[in-house]
Amino acid sequence: MNGRTHQIINAATVSYVSAIAVAAGCSVPPLVIVGCTAIAWWSARWPDVANPKSRPGRRLVRWAPTLAELIQWDDGRPDAGHRRNWSHSLLFGLLIAATGGNLSAFAAGPWWWWIGAMVGMSWMMHILADCLTCQGAAVLYPVSLRVLRPRYGARMQSGGRVERAVVVPIVLALWVLAIVVMVVAR
């Protein structure tokens, strides 16, 4: 999936989860929902940092070339790619969530753990969305190099017509529905 689609999916996911929480009777302040949505939108492209052709990868090369060499290494496998290394691993996404949540809680107080949780959720939603493409993703890396993708039907070309004409409009419609549910449930 392309970067904008990842951003839409991740921000909409925050609204889905918030709508479920509000409908279940939880008190979720609107400012927290807006903050979580902004963090999910902002961090949606981060897993592509291992790809030197992606926007985060190009920025890393420009800002920190030595760090970019460490992160964007190629292990020489013929099927290697940015979706088949550490950056598209759910284990690494969990590590990002735990580290970010603990750092946020340590820096700003115990109620700020949600910042790291949003970055981790955004990381994992990016990976799961990439699993729907023809290329798939190695979600259990380094435990397994097996690529996870649908066998039939739902496989789509990254950035292709199906993504633009079907996935994005459906996600946007569901996002609006989630916002309406939140407003009505309050």
N, C-alpha and C. Protein backbone atom coordinates (compact mmCIF):
# COMPACT_ATOMS: atom_id res chain seq x y z
N MET A 1 0.85 -1.17 0.00
CA MET A 1 0.00 0.00 0.00
C MET A 1 0.90 1.24 0.00
N ASN A 2 0.37 2.29 -0.57
CA ASN A 2 1.18 3.51 -0.57
C ASN A 2 1.01 4.25 0.76
N GLY A 3 1.86 5.24 0.98
CA GLY A 3 1.91 5.93 2.27
C GLY A 3 0.61 6.59 2.68
N ARG A 4 -0.05 7.26 1.74
CA ARG A 4 -1.30 7.95 2.08
C ARG A 4 -2.37 6.96 2.52
N THR A 5 -2.44 5.81 1.87
CA THR A 5 -3.41 4.79 2.27
C THR A 5 -3.11 4.30 3.68
N HIS A 6 -1.84 4.09 4.00
CA HIS A 6 -1.49 3.68 5.36
C HIS A 6 -1.94 4.74 6.37
N GLN A 7 -1.76 6.00 6.03
CA GLN A 7 -2.16 7.06 6.96
C GLN A 7 -3.67 7.06 7.18
N ILE A 8 -4.43 6.89 6.11
CA ILE A 8 -5.89 6.87 6.23
C ILE A 8 -6.34 5.67 7.05
N ILE A 9 -5.78 4.49 6.77
CA ILE A 9 -6.16 3.29 7.51
C ILE A 9 -5.83 3.43 8.99
N ASN A 10 -4.65 3.93 9.31
CA ASN A 10 -4.24 4.03 10.71
C ASN A 10 -5.07 5.05 11.47
N ALA A 11 -5.32 6.21 10.88
CA ALA A 11 -6.14 7.21 11.56
C ALA A 11 -7.57 6.72 11.73
N ALA A 12 -8.10 6.04 10.72
CA ALA A 12 -9.45 5.50 10.82
C ALA A 12 -9.54 4.42 11.89
N THR A 13 -8.49 3.62 12.05
CA THR A 13 -8.48 2.58 13.07
C THR A 13 -8.60 3.18 14.47
N VAL A 14 -7.94 4.30 14.71
CA VAL A 14 -8.08 4.98 16.00
C VAL A 14 -9.54 5.37 16.22
N SER A 15 -10.20 5.87 15.19
CA SER A 15 -11.61 6.25 15.32
C SER A 15 -12.49 5.02 15.57
N TYR A 16 -12.18 3.90 14.90
CA TYR A 16 -12.96 2.68 15.13
C TYR A 16 -12.86 2.25 16.59
N VAL A 17 -11.63 2.19 17.09
CA VAL A 17 -11.41 1.75 18.47
C VAL A 17 -12.06 2.73 19.44
N SER A 18 -11.94 4.02 19.17
CA SER A 18 -12.56 5.03 20.04
C SER A 18 -14.08 4.92 20.01
N ALA A 19 -14.66 4.68 18.84
CA ALA A 19 -16.11 4.54 18.73
C ALA A 19 -16.59 3.33 19.52
N ILE A 20 -15.86 2.24 19.47
CA ILE A 20 -16.23 1.05 20.24
C ILE A 20 -16.15 1.35 21.74
N ALA A 21 -15.09 2.05 22.14
CA ALA A 21 -14.93 2.39 23.56
C ALA A 21 -16.04 3.32 24.04
N VAL A 22 -16.38 4.33 23.24
CA VAL A 22 -17.44 5.27 23.62
C VAL A 22 -18.79 4.56 23.64
N ALA A 23 -19.06 3.72 22.64
CA ALA A 23 -20.32 2.97 22.61
C ALA A 23 -20.44 2.00 23.78
N ALA A 24 -19.29 1.51 24.28
CA ALA A 24 -19.30 0.59 25.42
C ALA A 24 -19.42 1.34 26.75
N GLY A 25 -19.43 2.67 26.70
CA GLY A 25 -19.63 3.45 27.92
C GLY A 25 -18.36 4.02 28.53
N CYS A 26 -17.23 3.83 27.88
CA CYS A 26 -15.97 4.38 28.40
C CYS A 26 -15.93 5.88 28.14
N SER A 27 -15.32 6.59 29.05
CA SER A 27 -15.18 8.03 28.90
C SER A 27 -13.83 8.33 28.24
N VAL A 28 -13.88 8.63 26.96
CA VAL A 28 -12.66 8.95 26.21
C VAL A 28 -12.73 10.43 25.84
N PRO A 29 -11.85 11.26 26.42
CA PRO A 29 -11.88 12.69 26.10
C PRO A 29 -11.60 12.93 24.62
N PRO A 30 -12.34 13.85 24.00
CA PRO A 30 -12.14 14.14 22.58
C PRO A 30 -10.70 14.55 22.24
N LEU A 31 -10.04 15.26 23.15
CA LEU A 31 -8.66 15.69 22.90
C LEU A 31 -7.72 14.49 22.78
N VAL A 32 -7.98 13.45 23.56
CA VAL A 32 -7.16 12.23 23.47
C VAL A 32 -7.39 11.54 22.13
N ILE A 33 -8.64 11.51 21.68
CA ILE A 33 -8.95 10.90 20.38
C ILE A 33 -8.26 11.67 19.26
N VAL A 34 -8.31 12.98 19.30
CA VAL A 34 -7.65 13.80 18.28
C VAL A 34 -6.14 13.59 18.33
N GLY A 35 -5.56 13.55 19.54
CA GLY A 35 -4.12 13.33 19.68
C GLY A 35 -3.71 11.96 19.17
N CYS A 36 -4.48 10.94 19.50
CA CYS A 36 -4.17 9.58 19.03
C CYS A 36 -4.28 9.50 17.51
N THR A 37 -5.28 10.15 16.94
CA THR A 37 -5.44 10.15 15.49
C THR A 37 -4.26 10.83 14.81
N ALA A 38 -3.82 11.95 15.38
CA ALA A 38 -2.67 12.66 14.81
C ALA A 38 -1.40 11.82 14.89
N ILE A 39 -1.19 11.14 16.01
CA ILE A 39 0.00 10.29 16.15
C ILE A 39 -0.06 9.12 15.18
N ALA A 40 -1.24 8.51 15.03
CA ALA A 40 -1.38 7.39 14.09
C ALA A 40 -1.12 7.85 12.66
N TRP A 41 -1.61 9.03 12.29
CA TRP A 41 -1.39 9.57 10.95
C TRP A 41 0.10 9.84 10.73
N TRP A 42 0.74 10.46 11.72
CA TRP A 42 2.13 10.86 11.62
C TRP A 42 3.07 9.66 11.55
N SER A 43 2.79 8.60 12.29
CA SER A 43 3.70 7.45 12.36
C SER A 43 3.34 6.33 11.40
N ALA A 44 2.36 6.52 10.55
CA ALA A 44 1.88 5.46 9.66
C ALA A 44 2.93 4.98 8.66
N ARG A 45 3.86 5.82 8.26
CA ARG A 45 4.84 5.45 7.25
C ARG A 45 6.15 4.94 7.84
N TRP A 46 6.30 4.97 9.13
CA TRP A 46 7.57 4.62 9.77
C TRP A 46 8.10 3.23 9.41
N PRO A 47 7.26 2.20 9.30
CA PRO A 47 7.83 0.88 8.97
C PRO A 47 8.57 0.84 7.64
N ASP A 48 8.34 1.81 6.77
CA ASP A 48 9.03 1.84 5.48
C ASP A 48 10.41 2.48 5.56
N VAL A 49 10.90 2.76 6.75
CA VAL A 49 12.20 3.41 6.92
C VAL A 49 13.33 2.54 6.38
N ALA A 50 13.12 1.23 6.32
CA ALA A 50 14.15 0.33 5.80
C ALA A 50 14.23 0.35 4.28
N ASN A 51 13.30 1.01 3.63
CA ASN A 51 13.30 1.13 2.18
C ASN A 51 13.91 2.48 1.79
N PRO A 52 15.10 2.49 1.17
CA PRO A 52 15.74 3.78 0.84
C PRO A 52 14.96 4.60 -0.19
N LYS A 53 13.97 4.01 -0.85
CA LYS A 53 13.18 4.74 -1.84
C LYS A 53 11.92 5.37 -1.24
N SER A 54 11.57 4.98 -0.01
CA SER A 54 10.37 5.52 0.62
C SER A 54 10.66 6.91 1.19
N ARG A 55 9.60 7.65 1.51
CA ARG A 55 9.78 8.98 2.09
C ARG A 55 10.55 8.92 3.42
N PRO A 56 10.18 8.04 4.37
CA PRO A 56 10.98 7.98 5.60
C PRO A 56 12.42 7.52 5.35
N GLY A 57 12.62 6.62 4.40
CA GLY A 57 13.96 6.15 4.08
C GLY A 57 14.83 7.24 3.49
N ARG A 58 14.26 8.05 2.59
CA ARG A 58 15.01 9.17 2.00
C ARG A 58 15.35 10.22 3.05
N ARG A 59 14.40 10.49 3.95
CA ARG A 59 14.68 11.47 5.01
C ARG A 59 15.78 10.99 5.94
N LEU A 60 15.76 9.70 6.25
CA LEU A 60 16.80 9.16 7.12
C LEU A 60 18.17 9.27 6.46
N VAL A 61 18.23 8.98 5.16
CA VAL A 61 19.50 9.09 4.43
C VAL A 61 20.00 10.54 4.47
N ARG A 62 19.10 11.49 4.35
CA ARG A 62 19.49 12.90 4.34
C ARG A 62 19.91 13.38 5.73
N TRP A 63 19.17 12.98 6.78
CA TRP A 63 19.42 13.49 8.12
C TRP A 63 20.49 12.73 8.87
N ALA A 64 20.54 11.41 8.68
CA ALA A 64 21.49 10.58 9.43
C ALA A 64 22.03 9.48 8.53
N PRO A 65 22.96 9.78 7.64
CA PRO A 65 23.43 8.80 6.67
C PRO A 65 24.06 7.55 7.30
N THR A 66 24.76 7.70 8.41
CA THR A 66 25.37 6.54 9.05
C THR A 66 24.30 5.61 9.62
N LEU A 67 23.29 6.20 10.27
CA LEU A 67 22.19 5.41 10.79
C LEU A 67 21.42 4.74 9.65
N ALA A 68 21.27 5.44 8.55
CA ALA A 68 20.58 4.88 7.38
C ALA A 68 21.30 3.65 6.86
N GLU A 69 22.63 3.67 6.84
CA GLU A 69 23.38 2.50 6.39
C GLU A 69 23.11 1.30 7.29
N LEU A 70 22.99 1.53 8.59
CA LEU A 70 22.71 0.43 9.52
C LEU A 70 21.30 -0.11 9.35
N ILE A 71 20.34 0.78 9.17
CA ILE A 71 18.93 0.39 9.10
C ILE A 71 18.57 -0.19 7.74
N GLN A 72 19.12 0.35 6.67
CA GLN A 72 18.73 -0.03 5.32
C GLN A 72 19.68 -1.05 4.69
N TRP A 73 20.22 -1.95 5.50
CA TRP A 73 21.14 -2.95 4.99
C TRP A 73 20.40 -4.00 4.19
N ASP A 74 21.10 -4.60 3.24
CA ASP A 74 20.55 -5.66 2.41
C ASP A 74 21.30 -6.94 2.75
N ASP A 75 20.57 -7.97 3.14
CA ASP A 75 21.25 -9.20 3.56
C ASP A 75 21.60 -10.13 2.39
N GLY A 76 21.37 -9.70 1.16
CA GLY A 76 21.80 -10.46 -0.01
C GLY A 76 20.85 -11.55 -0.46
N ARG A 77 19.73 -11.75 0.25
CA ARG A 77 18.75 -12.74 -0.22
C ARG A 77 18.10 -12.24 -1.49
N PRO A 78 17.83 -13.14 -2.45
CA PRO A 78 17.22 -12.68 -3.71
C PRO A 78 15.81 -12.13 -3.51
N ASP A 79 15.11 -12.59 -2.47
CA ASP A 79 13.75 -12.11 -2.23
C ASP A 79 13.71 -11.00 -1.19
N ALA A 80 14.89 -10.47 -0.83
CA ALA A 80 14.95 -9.44 0.20
C ALA A 80 14.25 -8.17 -0.28
N GLY A 81 13.71 -7.47 0.63
CA GLY A 81 13.03 -6.21 0.37
C GLY A 81 12.59 -5.63 1.68
N HIS A 82 12.09 -4.42 1.65
CA HIS A 82 11.76 -3.78 2.91
C HIS A 82 10.59 -4.45 3.62
N ARG A 83 9.79 -5.23 2.93
CA ARG A 83 8.68 -5.93 3.58
C ARG A 83 9.10 -7.32 4.08
N ARG A 84 10.37 -7.64 3.94
CA ARG A 84 10.85 -8.96 4.36
C ARG A 84 12.03 -8.82 5.32
N ASN A 85 11.97 -7.80 6.18
CA ASN A 85 13.02 -7.62 7.17
C ASN A 85 12.42 -7.13 8.49
N TRP A 86 13.24 -6.67 9.38
CA TRP A 86 12.82 -6.30 10.73
C TRP A 86 11.74 -5.22 10.76
N SER A 87 11.72 -4.31 9.81
CA SER A 87 10.79 -3.18 9.88
C SER A 87 9.34 -3.59 9.66
N HIS A 88 9.11 -4.76 9.09
CA HIS A 88 7.76 -5.24 8.88
C HIS A 88 7.48 -6.48 9.74
N SER A 89 8.06 -6.49 10.92
CA SER A 89 7.87 -7.58 11.88
C SER A 89 6.93 -7.13 12.99
N LEU A 90 5.92 -7.94 13.30
CA LEU A 90 5.01 -7.62 14.40
C LEU A 90 5.76 -7.61 15.74
N LEU A 91 6.79 -8.44 15.85
CA LEU A 91 7.58 -8.44 17.08
C LEU A 91 8.25 -7.09 17.28
N PHE A 92 8.76 -6.51 16.21
CA PHE A 92 9.38 -5.20 16.31
C PHE A 92 8.33 -4.13 16.60
N GLY A 93 7.13 -4.29 16.04
CA GLY A 93 6.03 -3.36 16.35
C GLY A 93 5.67 -3.38 17.82
N LEU A 94 5.64 -4.59 18.41
CA LEU A 94 5.38 -4.69 19.85
C LEU A 94 6.49 -4.05 20.66
N LEU A 95 7.73 -4.23 20.21
CA LEU A 95 8.87 -3.61 20.89
C LEU A 95 8.77 -2.08 20.81
N ILE A 96 8.38 -1.55 19.66
CA ILE A 96 8.18 -0.10 19.50
C ILE A 96 7.10 0.39 20.46
N ALA A 97 5.98 -0.34 20.54
CA ALA A 97 4.88 0.07 21.42
C ALA A 97 5.32 0.07 22.88
N ALA A 98 5.99 -0.99 23.30
CA ALA A 98 6.42 -1.08 24.70
C ALA A 98 7.46 -0.02 25.04
N THR A 99 8.43 0.16 24.16
CA THR A 99 9.48 1.15 24.41
C THR A 99 8.90 2.57 24.40
N GLY A 100 8.11 2.86 23.37
CA GLY A 100 7.51 4.20 23.28
C GLY A 100 6.57 4.49 24.44
N GLY A 101 5.77 3.51 24.81
CA GLY A 101 4.86 3.70 25.94
C GLY A 101 5.60 3.94 27.25
N ASN A 102 6.64 3.16 27.48
CA ASN A 102 7.41 3.34 28.72
C ASN A 102 8.17 4.67 28.73
N LEU A 103 8.75 5.04 27.59
CA LEU A 103 9.45 6.33 27.52
C LEU A 103 8.49 7.50 27.72
N SER A 104 7.31 7.41 27.11
CA SER A 104 6.31 8.47 27.28
C SER A 104 5.85 8.56 28.72
N ALA A 105 5.58 7.42 29.33
CA ALA A 105 5.15 7.41 30.73
C ALA A 105 6.25 7.94 31.65
N PHE A 106 7.51 7.58 31.36
CA PHE A 106 8.63 8.04 32.18
C PHE A 106 8.83 9.55 32.04
N ALA A 107 8.70 10.06 30.81
CA ALA A 107 8.97 11.48 30.56
C ALA A 107 7.82 12.37 31.02
N ALA A 108 6.58 11.95 30.80
CA ALA A 108 5.45 12.84 31.05
C ALA A 108 4.49 12.36 32.14
N GLY A 109 4.64 11.16 32.62
CA GLY A 109 3.75 10.65 33.66
C GLY A 109 3.00 9.42 33.20
N PRO A 110 2.41 8.71 34.15
CA PRO A 110 1.80 7.42 33.83
C PRO A 110 0.63 7.46 32.86
N TRP A 111 -0.03 8.59 32.73
CA TRP A 111 -1.17 8.65 31.83
C TRP A 111 -0.78 8.86 30.38
N TRP A 112 0.50 9.01 30.07
CA TRP A 112 0.96 9.29 28.72
C TRP A 112 1.45 8.06 27.97
N TRP A 113 1.22 6.87 28.50
CA TRP A 113 1.65 5.63 27.84
C TRP A 113 0.97 5.47 26.48
N TRP A 114 -0.19 6.10 26.29
CA TRP A 114 -0.95 5.93 25.04
C TRP A 114 -0.21 6.44 23.83
N ILE A 115 0.77 7.33 24.02
CA ILE A 115 1.54 7.82 22.87
C ILE A 115 2.32 6.67 22.23
N GLY A 116 3.03 5.92 23.06
CA GLY A 116 3.76 4.75 22.55
C GLY A 116 2.83 3.68 22.01
N ALA A 117 1.68 3.52 22.68
CA ALA A 117 0.71 2.53 22.21
C ALA A 117 0.19 2.90 20.82
N MET A 118 -0.02 4.17 20.56
CA MET A 118 -0.51 4.60 19.25
C MET A 118 0.54 4.38 18.17
N VAL A 119 1.80 4.66 18.49
CA VAL A 119 2.87 4.43 17.51
C VAL A 119 2.97 2.93 17.21
N GLY A 120 2.91 2.10 18.25
CA GLY A 120 2.96 0.65 18.05
C GLY A 120 1.76 0.13 17.26
N MET A 121 0.55 0.64 17.58
CA MET A 121 -0.65 0.24 16.84
C MET A 121 -0.53 0.67 15.39
N SER A 122 -0.01 1.86 15.17
CA SER A 122 0.17 2.36 13.81
C SER A 122 1.16 1.48 13.04
N TRP A 123 2.23 1.09 13.71
CA TRP A 123 3.24 0.22 13.10
C TRP A 123 2.60 -1.10 12.68
N MET A 124 1.82 -1.70 13.59
CA MET A 124 1.22 -3.01 13.30
C MET A 124 0.13 -2.92 12.23
N MET A 125 -0.65 -1.84 12.22
CA MET A 125 -1.66 -1.69 11.17
C MET A 125 -1.01 -1.54 9.80
N HIS A 126 0.13 -0.87 9.74
CA HIS A 126 0.88 -0.74 8.48
C HIS A 126 1.27 -2.12 7.97
N ILE A 127 1.80 -2.94 8.86
CA ILE A 127 2.24 -4.28 8.47
C ILE A 127 1.07 -5.13 8.00
N LEU A 128 -0.02 -5.11 8.76
CA LEU A 128 -1.19 -5.91 8.39
C LEU A 128 -1.79 -5.44 7.06
N ALA A 129 -1.78 -4.14 6.80
CA ALA A 129 -2.27 -3.63 5.51
C ALA A 129 -1.36 -4.10 4.38
N ASP A 130 -0.05 -4.13 4.61
CA ASP A 130 0.87 -4.62 3.58
C ASP A 130 0.67 -6.10 3.30
N CYS A 131 0.16 -6.84 4.24
CA CYS A 131 -0.11 -8.27 4.02
C CYS A 131 -1.20 -8.48 2.98
N LEU A 132 -2.03 -7.47 2.72
CA LEU A 132 -3.10 -7.60 1.73
C LEU A 132 -2.61 -7.40 0.30
N THR A 133 -1.38 -6.96 0.13
CA THR A 133 -0.85 -6.72 -1.21
C THR A 133 -0.26 -8.01 -1.79
N CYS A 134 0.02 -7.98 -3.08
CA CYS A 134 0.63 -9.14 -3.74
C CYS A 134 1.99 -9.47 -3.15
N GLN A 135 2.72 -8.44 -2.70
CA GLN A 135 4.05 -8.66 -2.15
C GLN A 135 4.01 -9.26 -0.76
N GLY A 136 2.98 -8.98 0.02
CA GLY A 136 2.87 -9.49 1.38
C GLY A 136 3.94 -8.92 2.30
N ALA A 137 4.07 -9.51 3.50
CA ALA A 137 5.08 -9.07 4.46
C ALA A 137 5.47 -10.26 5.34
N ALA A 138 6.72 -10.27 5.77
CA ALA A 138 7.22 -11.32 6.66
C ALA A 138 6.95 -10.88 8.10
N VAL A 139 5.73 -11.10 8.58
CA VAL A 139 5.29 -10.56 9.87
C VAL A 139 5.96 -11.22 11.07
N LEU A 140 6.50 -12.41 10.92
CA LEU A 140 7.13 -13.10 12.04
C LEU A 140 8.66 -13.06 11.98
N TYR A 141 9.21 -12.16 11.17
CA TYR A 141 10.66 -12.00 11.08
C TYR A 141 11.19 -11.64 12.46
N PRO A 142 12.25 -12.16 12.98
CA PRO A 142 13.25 -13.08 12.46
C PRO A 142 12.94 -14.55 12.72
N VAL A 143 11.79 -14.83 13.38
CA VAL A 143 11.44 -16.22 13.66
C VAL A 143 11.20 -16.98 12.36
N SER A 144 10.51 -16.34 11.42
CA SER A 144 10.20 -16.98 10.15
C SER A 144 10.34 -15.97 9.02
N LEU A 145 10.88 -16.41 7.90
CA LEU A 145 11.00 -15.54 6.72
C LEU A 145 9.80 -15.72 5.79
N ARG A 146 8.83 -16.55 6.19
CA ARG A 146 7.66 -16.81 5.37
C ARG A 146 6.83 -15.53 5.23
N VAL A 147 6.44 -15.22 4.00
CA VAL A 147 5.67 -14.01 3.71
C VAL A 147 4.20 -14.32 3.88
N LEU A 148 3.51 -13.46 4.61
CA LEU A 148 2.08 -13.60 4.83
C LEU A 148 1.33 -12.73 3.83
N ARG A 149 0.44 -13.34 3.07
CA ARG A 149 -0.42 -12.63 2.12
C ARG A 149 -1.60 -13.53 1.80
N PRO A 150 -2.72 -12.95 1.37
CA PRO A 150 -3.87 -13.79 1.02
C PRO A 150 -3.55 -14.67 -0.19
N ARG A 151 -4.03 -15.88 -0.15
CA ARG A 151 -3.78 -16.79 -1.28
C ARG A 151 -4.60 -16.43 -2.50
N TYR A 152 -5.85 -16.04 -2.29
CA TYR A 152 -6.74 -15.80 -3.43
C TYR A 152 -7.53 -14.51 -3.19
N GLY A 153 -7.95 -13.89 -4.26
CA GLY A 153 -8.94 -12.83 -4.20
C GLY A 153 -8.47 -11.47 -3.74
N ALA A 154 -8.19 -11.29 -2.48
CA ALA A 154 -7.98 -9.96 -1.91
C ALA A 154 -6.61 -9.36 -2.22
N ARG A 155 -5.74 -10.12 -2.87
CA ARG A 155 -4.40 -9.59 -3.16
C ARG A 155 -4.49 -8.43 -4.14
N MET A 156 -3.86 -7.35 -3.79
CA MET A 156 -3.90 -6.17 -4.67
C MET A 156 -2.50 -5.65 -4.89
N GLN A 157 -2.32 -4.96 -5.98
CA GLN A 157 -1.04 -4.34 -6.29
C GLN A 157 -0.89 -3.10 -5.43
N SER A 158 0.27 -2.94 -4.86
CA SER A 158 0.54 -1.77 -4.02
C SER A 158 0.44 -0.49 -4.85
N GLY A 159 -0.44 0.42 -4.43
CA GLY A 159 -0.65 1.67 -5.16
C GLY A 159 -1.51 1.52 -6.40
N GLY A 160 -2.12 0.36 -6.60
CA GLY A 160 -2.89 0.09 -7.80
C GLY A 160 -4.31 0.62 -7.76
N ARG A 161 -5.07 0.26 -8.80
CA ARG A 161 -6.45 0.71 -8.94
C ARG A 161 -7.35 0.25 -7.82
N VAL A 162 -7.21 -1.00 -7.41
CA VAL A 162 -8.06 -1.53 -6.34
C VAL A 162 -7.84 -0.75 -5.04
N GLU A 163 -6.61 -0.45 -4.76
CA GLU A 163 -6.30 0.33 -3.56
C GLU A 163 -6.96 1.70 -3.61
N ARG A 164 -6.81 2.38 -4.75
CA ARG A 164 -7.34 3.74 -4.89
C ARG A 164 -8.86 3.79 -5.02
N ALA A 165 -9.43 2.85 -5.75
CA ALA A 165 -10.86 2.92 -6.06
C ALA A 165 -11.75 2.13 -5.11
N VAL A 166 -11.19 1.18 -4.37
CA VAL A 166 -12.02 0.36 -3.49
C VAL A 166 -11.62 0.53 -2.02
N VAL A 167 -10.36 0.29 -1.71
CA VAL A 167 -9.92 0.29 -0.31
C VAL A 167 -10.07 1.66 0.32
N VAL A 168 -9.51 2.69 -0.30
CA VAL A 168 -9.55 4.03 0.29
C VAL A 168 -10.98 4.54 0.48
N PRO A 169 -11.88 4.45 -0.51
CA PRO A 169 -13.25 4.92 -0.27
C PRO A 169 -13.98 4.14 0.84
N ILE A 170 -13.76 2.83 0.91
CA ILE A 170 -14.41 2.04 1.97
C ILE A 170 -13.90 2.45 3.34
N VAL A 171 -12.59 2.60 3.46
CA VAL A 171 -12.01 3.00 4.75
C VAL A 171 -12.49 4.39 5.14
N LEU A 172 -12.56 5.32 4.18
CA LEU A 172 -13.04 6.66 4.49
C LEU A 172 -14.51 6.64 4.93
N ALA A 173 -15.34 5.83 4.27
CA ALA A 173 -16.75 5.72 4.66
C ALA A 173 -16.88 5.15 6.07
N LEU A 174 -16.10 4.12 6.37
CA LEU A 174 -16.14 3.55 7.71
C LEU A 174 -15.60 4.52 8.76
N TRP A 175 -14.63 5.34 8.38
CA TRP A 175 -14.09 6.35 9.28
C TRP A 175 -15.18 7.36 9.65
N VAL A 176 -15.92 7.84 8.66
CA VAL A 176 -17.02 8.77 8.90
C VAL A 176 -18.08 8.11 9.78
N LEU A 177 -18.39 6.85 9.51
CA LEU A 177 -19.36 6.12 10.32
C LEU A 177 -18.89 6.02 11.78
N ALA A 178 -17.62 5.76 11.99
CA ALA A 178 -17.08 5.68 13.35
C ALA A 178 -17.21 7.02 14.07
N ILE A 179 -16.96 8.11 13.36
CA ILE A 179 -17.08 9.44 13.97
C ILE A 179 -18.54 9.72 14.33
N VAL A 180 -19.46 9.34 13.44
CA VAL A 180 -20.89 9.53 13.73
C VAL A 180 -21.30 8.71 14.95
N VAL A 181 -20.82 7.47 15.06
CA VAL A 181 -21.14 6.63 16.22
C VAL A 181 -20.63 7.27 17.50
N MET A 182 -19.42 7.85 17.46
CA MET A 182 -18.87 8.51 18.64
C MET A 182 -19.72 9.70 19.06
N VAL A 183 -20.15 10.49 18.09
CA VAL A 183 -20.96 11.67 18.39
C VAL A 183 -22.32 11.27 18.95
N VAL A 184 -22.95 10.29 18.35
CA VAL A 184 -24.28 9.85 18.80
C VAL A 184 -24.20 9.16 20.16
N ALA A 185 -23.15 8.38 20.39
CA ALA A 185 -23.03 7.63 21.65
C ALA A 185 -22.73 8.52 22.84
N ARG A 186 -22.22 9.71 22.61
CA ARG A 186 -21.92 10.64 23.72
C ARG A 186 -23.23 11.14 24.23
